[in-house]
Amino acid sequence: MAKNLSGELHVASANRLVDGVVVFLGDAGDWVTDIARAAVARDGRAAEILLHRARAEAFTVVEPYLVAVSEDDEGALEPLSLRERIRVSGLTFHAIAADAVRYA
């Protein structure tokens, strides 16, 4: 069950400059490919700081921005928007089918 569906949780995301791979800013200030290792901002002020940190660490990525995520009881992060879920996992029929069922 999701703890947050209102978009209060955020991670910073961008695309790696050399190959276009989706990356997330980690706690140590490095860019990681696994959303599970992303630094999470838990309120608006923390999100502003996270975005500022992401822009300061943007030497190897293109145009970092905040992505609203939800966190389940085990701490797994999932982007709220379909666009971001596709960026994280690639184009899949599962993500599209889940949204089709949700909004049907």
Protein backbone atom coordinates (compact mmCIF):
# COMPACT_ATOMS: atom_id res chain seq x y z
CA MET A 1 0.00 0.00 0.00
CA ALA A 2 1.38 3.41 -0.94
CA LYS A 3 2.23 5.82 1.86
CA ASN A 4 2.17 8.92 -0.27
CA LEU A 5 0.08 9.55 -3.35
CA SER A 6 -0.03 13.33 -3.02
CA GLY A 7 3.36 13.94 -4.58
CA GLU A 8 5.11 15.08 -1.40
CA LEU A 9 8.00 12.69 -1.96
CA HIS A 10 10.45 13.56 -4.72
CA VAL A 11 13.66 12.30 -6.27
CA ALA A 12 15.90 14.20 -8.67
CA SER A 13 16.21 12.67 -12.13
CA ALA A 14 18.03 13.46 -15.36
CA ASN A 15 19.53 11.73 -18.37
CA ARG A 16 23.22 10.88 -18.40
CA LEU A 17 25.03 13.01 -20.95
CA VAL A 18 27.17 10.29 -22.55
CA ASP A 19 24.44 7.74 -23.26
CA GLY A 20 21.03 9.19 -22.35
CA VAL A 21 20.39 6.65 -19.58
CA VAL A 22 17.90 7.74 -16.91
CA VAL A 23 19.68 8.50 -13.64
CA PHE A 24 18.78 9.67 -10.14
CA LEU A 25 20.76 11.72 -7.67
CA GLY A 26 21.92 9.49 -4.82
CA ASP A 27 22.50 10.43 -1.20
CA ALA A 28 26.25 10.73 -1.79
CA GLY A 29 25.76 13.22 -4.66
CA ASP A 30 26.47 10.64 -7.35
CA TRP A 31 24.13 9.82 -10.22
CA VAL A 32 22.74 6.28 -9.98
CA THR A 33 20.63 4.25 -12.40
CA ASP A 34 18.58 2.48 -9.70
CA ILE A 35 15.72 4.55 -8.30
CA ALA A 36 16.00 2.53 -5.06
CA ARG A 37 19.33 4.28 -4.41
CA ALA A 38 17.96 7.79 -5.08
CA ALA A 39 17.97 10.48 -2.40
CA VAL A 40 14.38 11.16 -1.34
CA ALA A 41 13.03 14.60 -0.41
CA ARG A 42 10.14 14.21 2.02
CA ASP A 43 8.74 17.76 2.00
CA GLY A 44 8.71 20.88 -0.14
CA ARG A 45 11.80 22.49 1.42
CA ALA A 46 13.80 19.27 1.12
CA ALA A 47 12.70 19.02 -2.53
CA GLU A 48 14.02 22.53 -3.23
CA ILE A 49 17.35 21.61 -1.65
CA LEU A 50 17.49 18.31 -3.57
CA LEU A 51 16.89 20.08 -6.89
CA HIS A 52 19.57 22.66 -6.03
CA ARG A 53 22.02 19.81 -5.22
CA ALA A 54 21.08 18.06 -8.48
CA ARG A 55 21.76 21.17 -10.53
CA ALA A 56 25.10 21.63 -8.74
CA GLU A 57 26.03 18.02 -9.64
CA ALA A 58 24.84 18.30 -13.25
CA PHE A 59 28.24 18.09 -14.93
CA THR A 60 27.51 14.66 -16.40
CA VAL A 61 23.73 14.86 -16.86
CA VAL A 62 21.21 16.90 -18.81
CA GLU A 63 18.70 19.21 -17.10
CA PRO A 64 17.89 17.56 -13.73
CA TYR A 65 14.36 17.91 -12.39
CA LEU A 66 12.18 16.59 -9.58
CA VAL A 67 10.02 13.50 -9.97
CA ALA A 68 7.09 12.86 -7.61
CA VAL A 69 7.25 9.33 -6.22
CA SER A 70 5.32 7.08 -3.86
CA GLU A 71 6.92 4.78 -1.32
CA ASP A 72 5.44 1.45 -0.31
CA ASP A 73 5.66 -0.16 3.12
CA GLU A 74 8.98 -1.81 2.20
CA GLY A 75 10.46 1.52 1.11
CA ALA A 76 10.31 0.81 -2.62
CA LEU A 77 9.95 3.98 -4.70
CA GLU A 78 7.73 4.31 -7.74
CA PRO A 79 7.17 7.42 -9.84
CA LEU A 80 3.59 8.69 -9.75
CA SER A 81 3.30 9.60 -13.42
CA LEU A 82 3.16 7.11 -16.27
CA ARG A 83 5.82 9.08 -18.13
CA GLU A 84 8.29 8.68 -15.29
CA ARG A 85 7.43 4.99 -14.77
CA ILE A 86 8.24 4.44 -18.45
CA ARG A 87 11.52 6.37 -18.06
CA VAL A 88 12.46 4.14 -15.10
CA SER A 89 11.52 0.79 -16.58
CA GLY A 90 11.39 1.38 -20.29
CA LEU A 91 8.31 1.09 -22.44
CA THR A 92 6.32 -1.87 -21.22
CA PHE A 93 2.86 -3.10 -21.82
CA HIS A 94 2.53 -3.77 -18.07
CA ALA A 95 2.76 -0.08 -17.10
CA ILE A 96 0.40 1.01 -19.87
CA ALA A 97 -2.06 -1.79 -19.11
CA ALA A 98 -2.03 -0.95 -15.37
CA ASP A 99 -2.92 2.67 -16.11
CA ALA A 100 -5.56 1.61 -18.64
CA VAL A 101 -7.23 -0.53 -15.98
CA ARG A 102 -6.88 2.20 -13.34
CA TYR A 103 -8.57 4.86 -15.51
CA ALA A 104 -11.12 2.61 -17.22
